[in-house]
Structures are given as C-alpha cells and as structure tokens.
Amino acid sequence: SATRTKLERSLQERPDRKDLVDKNILKDTNVSPALQGRQAELERARLQDKLDQALQHRPKPEELIQQGILEGESLSSQV
C-alpha cells in the first residue's frame, strides 16, 4: 500500500544517531534515556554552582580601578 511504502521510505531516509548528535538534536551520552533528563538537570546545577562561586570571588570595581583595569568614570556610569 502507499502508506506502507511512504513509511518505509521515511524510515530509510531519517538521519542516523550520529547526525542527530552532530546537529545537537540528541545528546552524546552513554546514559540511559530514562536518566538523561536528570543528568541534564545535574549538569545545569553544577554549572550554576560554578558560576555562583566565580561571582563570589569576582573583584570589586574599586580593586579593578586600583589595578588600572577599570576607569573611575565607567564606574559612575554603571550606577
């Protein structure tokens, strides 16, 4: 039948897993699909913790002015 032929052709033409990973449609992971959502959540939380840590240790604008990295005028324009 025409439907079966169309379905078979579509299945033959669909991209393979590697192509989908290369296009960032699928994640390249060895984790079970049932756990991939949780893995993504944990990775996001890890990145958030890393960013929070970096922001806590970021130098204050006054320190950057003293080091000649930031100009005093640009500090007043940010406020």
N, C-alpha and C. Protein backbone atom coordinates (compact mmCIF):
# COMPACT_ATOMS: atom_id res chain seq x y z
N SER A 1 0.83 -1.19 0.00
CA SER A 1 0.00 0.00 0.00
C SER A 1 0.88 1.25 0.00
N ALA A 2 0.28 2.35 -0.36
CA ALA A 2 1.01 3.61 -0.47
C ALA A 2 1.52 4.09 0.89
N THR A 3 0.72 3.88 1.92
CA THR A 3 1.12 4.31 3.26
C THR A 3 2.35 3.53 3.72
N ARG A 4 2.33 2.25 3.50
CA ARG A 4 3.47 1.41 3.91
C ARG A 4 4.73 1.83 3.16
N THR A 5 4.61 2.07 1.87
CA THR A 5 5.75 2.48 1.06
C THR A 5 6.30 3.82 1.55
N LYS A 6 5.40 4.74 1.83
CA LYS A 6 5.82 6.06 2.32
C LYS A 6 6.52 5.94 3.67
N LEU A 7 5.98 5.12 4.55
CA LEU A 7 6.59 4.91 5.87
C LEU A 7 7.97 4.28 5.74
N GLU A 8 8.09 3.27 4.91
CA GLU A 8 9.39 2.62 4.72
C GLU A 8 10.41 3.59 4.16
N ARG A 9 10.00 4.42 3.20
CA ARG A 9 10.92 5.40 2.62
C ARG A 9 11.34 6.43 3.67
N SER A 10 10.39 6.88 4.48
CA SER A 10 10.71 7.84 5.54
C SER A 10 11.68 7.26 6.55
N LEU A 11 11.48 6.01 6.91
CA LEU A 11 12.39 5.36 7.87
C LEU A 11 13.79 5.19 7.28
N GLN A 12 13.87 4.92 6.00
CA GLN A 12 15.18 4.76 5.36
C GLN A 12 15.91 6.09 5.25
N GLU A 13 15.17 7.18 5.09
CA GLU A 13 15.77 8.49 4.89
C GLU A 13 16.04 9.25 6.19
N ARG A 14 15.53 8.75 7.28
CA ARG A 14 15.73 9.50 8.53
C ARG A 14 17.21 9.51 8.90
N PRO A 15 17.66 10.60 9.54
CA PRO A 15 19.07 10.69 9.90
C PRO A 15 19.44 9.68 10.97
N ASP A 16 20.70 9.23 10.94
CA ASP A 16 21.12 8.29 11.96
C ASP A 16 21.49 9.05 13.24
N ARG A 17 21.76 8.30 14.27
CA ARG A 17 22.02 8.89 15.59
C ARG A 17 23.20 9.85 15.56
N LYS A 18 24.26 9.50 14.85
CA LYS A 18 25.45 10.35 14.79
C LYS A 18 25.13 11.72 14.19
N ASP A 19 24.32 11.74 13.12
CA ASP A 19 23.93 13.02 12.51
C ASP A 19 23.13 13.87 13.50
N LEU A 20 22.25 13.24 14.25
CA LEU A 20 21.45 13.97 15.23
C LEU A 20 22.31 14.52 16.37
N VAL A 21 23.32 13.77 16.78
CA VAL A 21 24.25 14.24 17.81
C VAL A 21 25.07 15.40 17.26
N ASP A 22 25.53 15.29 16.01
CA ASP A 22 26.32 16.35 15.39
C ASP A 22 25.53 17.66 15.28
N LYS A 23 24.23 17.56 15.12
CA LYS A 23 23.37 18.75 15.00
C LYS A 23 22.82 19.20 16.35
N ASN A 24 23.30 18.60 17.43
CA ASN A 24 22.85 18.91 18.80
C ASN A 24 21.36 18.68 19.01
N ILE A 25 20.81 17.75 18.28
CA ILE A 25 19.42 17.37 18.50
C ILE A 25 19.35 16.31 19.60
N LEU A 26 20.30 15.38 19.57
CA LEU A 26 20.46 14.39 20.64
C LEU A 26 21.75 14.67 21.38
N LYS A 27 21.78 14.31 22.64
CA LYS A 27 22.99 14.45 23.44
C LYS A 27 23.87 13.22 23.23
N ASP A 28 25.17 13.44 23.19
CA ASP A 28 26.12 12.34 23.05
C ASP A 28 26.44 11.82 24.45
N THR A 29 25.69 10.83 24.87
CA THR A 29 25.85 10.31 26.23
C THR A 29 25.65 8.81 26.23
N ASN A 30 26.24 8.17 27.20
CA ASN A 30 26.06 6.73 27.36
C ASN A 30 25.04 6.41 28.44
N VAL A 31 24.36 7.43 28.92
CA VAL A 31 23.38 7.27 30.00
C VAL A 31 22.05 6.81 29.41
N SER A 32 21.36 6.01 30.16
CA SER A 32 20.05 5.52 29.76
C SER A 32 19.12 6.70 29.45
N PRO A 33 18.29 6.59 28.42
CA PRO A 33 17.36 7.67 28.10
C PRO A 33 16.47 8.06 29.28
N ALA A 34 16.17 7.10 30.14
CA ALA A 34 15.34 7.39 31.32
C ALA A 34 16.05 8.32 32.29
N LEU A 35 17.38 8.35 32.25
CA LEU A 35 18.16 9.17 33.18
C LEU A 35 18.73 10.43 32.54
N GLN A 36 18.57 10.60 31.24
CA GLN A 36 19.18 11.74 30.56
C GLN A 36 18.62 13.08 31.05
N GLY A 37 17.34 13.13 31.36
CA GLY A 37 16.76 14.37 31.88
C GLY A 37 17.38 14.75 33.20
N ARG A 38 17.53 13.79 34.08
CA ARG A 38 18.15 14.04 35.39
C ARG A 38 19.61 14.44 35.22
N GLN A 39 20.30 13.81 34.28
CA GLN A 39 21.70 14.15 34.02
C GLN A 39 21.81 15.61 33.57
N ALA A 40 20.90 16.05 32.71
CA ALA A 40 20.91 17.44 32.24
C ALA A 40 20.66 18.40 33.40
N GLU A 41 19.73 18.04 34.29
CA GLU A 41 19.46 18.88 35.47
C GLU A 41 20.69 19.00 36.35
N LEU A 42 21.37 17.89 36.58
CA LEU A 42 22.57 17.90 37.42
C LEU A 42 23.69 18.73 36.78
N GLU A 43 23.84 18.63 35.48
CA GLU A 43 24.86 19.41 34.78
C GLU A 43 24.55 20.90 34.89
N ARG A 44 23.27 21.26 34.74
CA ARG A 44 22.87 22.66 34.87
C ARG A 44 23.12 23.16 36.29
N ALA A 45 22.82 22.37 37.29
CA ALA A 45 23.06 22.75 38.68
C ALA A 45 24.56 22.91 38.94
N ARG A 46 25.37 22.02 38.36
CA ARG A 46 26.82 22.12 38.52
C ARG A 46 27.34 23.41 37.91
N LEU A 47 26.85 23.75 36.73
CA LEU A 47 27.28 25.00 36.09
C LEU A 47 26.83 26.22 36.89
N GLN A 48 25.62 26.15 37.46
CA GLN A 48 25.13 27.26 38.28
C GLN A 48 26.00 27.44 39.52
N ASP A 49 26.37 26.35 40.17
CA ASP A 49 27.26 26.42 41.34
C ASP A 49 28.61 27.01 40.96
N LYS A 50 29.13 26.60 39.81
CA LYS A 50 30.42 27.11 39.35
C LYS A 50 30.35 28.61 39.08
N LEU A 51 29.26 29.06 38.46
CA LEU A 51 29.08 30.48 38.20
C LEU A 51 28.93 31.27 39.49
N ASP A 52 28.13 30.75 40.42
CA ASP A 52 27.97 31.42 41.72
C ASP A 52 29.30 31.56 42.44
N GLN A 53 30.11 30.52 42.40
CA GLN A 53 31.43 30.54 43.04
C GLN A 53 32.31 31.60 42.38
N ALA A 54 32.30 31.66 41.06
CA ALA A 54 33.12 32.64 40.35
C ALA A 54 32.67 34.06 40.66
N LEU A 55 31.36 34.27 40.76
CA LEU A 55 30.85 35.61 41.06
C LEU A 55 31.20 36.04 42.49
N GLN A 56 31.24 35.10 43.41
CA GLN A 56 31.61 35.43 44.79
C GLN A 56 33.05 35.89 44.90
N HIS A 57 33.90 35.39 44.02
CA HIS A 57 35.32 35.74 44.07
C HIS A 57 35.70 36.82 43.06
N ARG A 58 34.70 37.41 42.42
CA ARG A 58 34.97 38.46 41.44
C ARG A 58 35.46 39.71 42.16
N PRO A 59 36.49 40.36 41.63
CA PRO A 59 37.00 41.56 42.31
C PRO A 59 35.98 42.69 42.28
N LYS A 60 36.02 43.52 43.30
CA LYS A 60 35.13 44.68 43.39
C LYS A 60 35.61 45.74 42.39
N PRO A 61 34.70 46.60 41.93
CA PRO A 61 35.09 47.65 40.98
C PRO A 61 36.25 48.51 41.49
N GLU A 62 36.28 48.79 42.79
CA GLU A 62 37.36 49.61 43.35
C GLU A 62 38.72 48.95 43.15
N GLU A 63 38.76 47.63 43.31
CA GLU A 63 40.02 46.90 43.11
C GLU A 63 40.45 46.98 41.65
N LEU A 64 39.49 46.91 40.73
CA LEU A 64 39.82 46.97 39.31
C LEU A 64 40.33 48.36 38.92
N ILE A 65 39.79 49.39 39.57
CA ILE A 65 40.27 50.75 39.32
C ILE A 65 41.71 50.88 39.80
N GLN A 66 41.99 50.36 40.99
CA GLN A 66 43.35 50.43 41.53
C GLN A 66 44.35 49.69 40.64
N GLN A 67 43.91 48.62 40.01
CA GLN A 67 44.79 47.83 39.15
C GLN A 67 44.89 48.41 37.74
N GLY A 68 44.13 49.46 37.46
CA GLY A 68 44.16 50.07 36.14
C GLY A 68 43.37 49.31 35.09
N ILE A 69 42.52 48.40 35.52
CA ILE A 69 41.72 47.61 34.58
C ILE A 69 40.43 48.35 34.23
N LEU A 70 39.89 49.06 35.20
CA LEU A 70 38.63 49.79 35.04
C LEU A 70 38.91 51.26 35.31
N GLU A 71 38.28 52.14 34.53
CA GLU A 71 38.44 53.57 34.76
C GLU A 71 37.38 54.03 35.75
N GLY A 72 37.73 55.02 36.55
CA GLY A 72 36.81 55.54 37.56
C GLY A 72 35.54 56.09 36.97
N GLU A 73 35.61 56.69 35.78
CA GLU A 73 34.44 57.27 35.14
C GLU A 73 33.42 56.20 34.76
N SER A 74 33.90 55.05 34.31
CA SER A 74 32.98 53.99 33.89
C SER A 74 32.22 53.41 35.08
N LEU A 75 32.80 53.52 36.28
CA LEU A 75 32.13 53.04 37.48
C LEU A 75 30.90 53.89 37.77
N SER A 76 31.02 55.21 37.65
CA SER A 76 29.88 56.08 37.95
C SER A 76 28.79 55.95 36.90
N SER A 77 29.14 55.60 35.65
CA SER A 77 28.12 55.44 34.62
C SER A 77 27.34 54.14 34.78
N GLN A 78 27.89 53.18 35.53
CA GLN A 78 27.20 51.91 35.75
C GLN A 78 26.14 52.02 36.84
N VAL A 79 26.25 53.00 37.70
CA VAL A 79 25.34 53.13 38.84
C VAL A 79 24.05 53.77 38.46
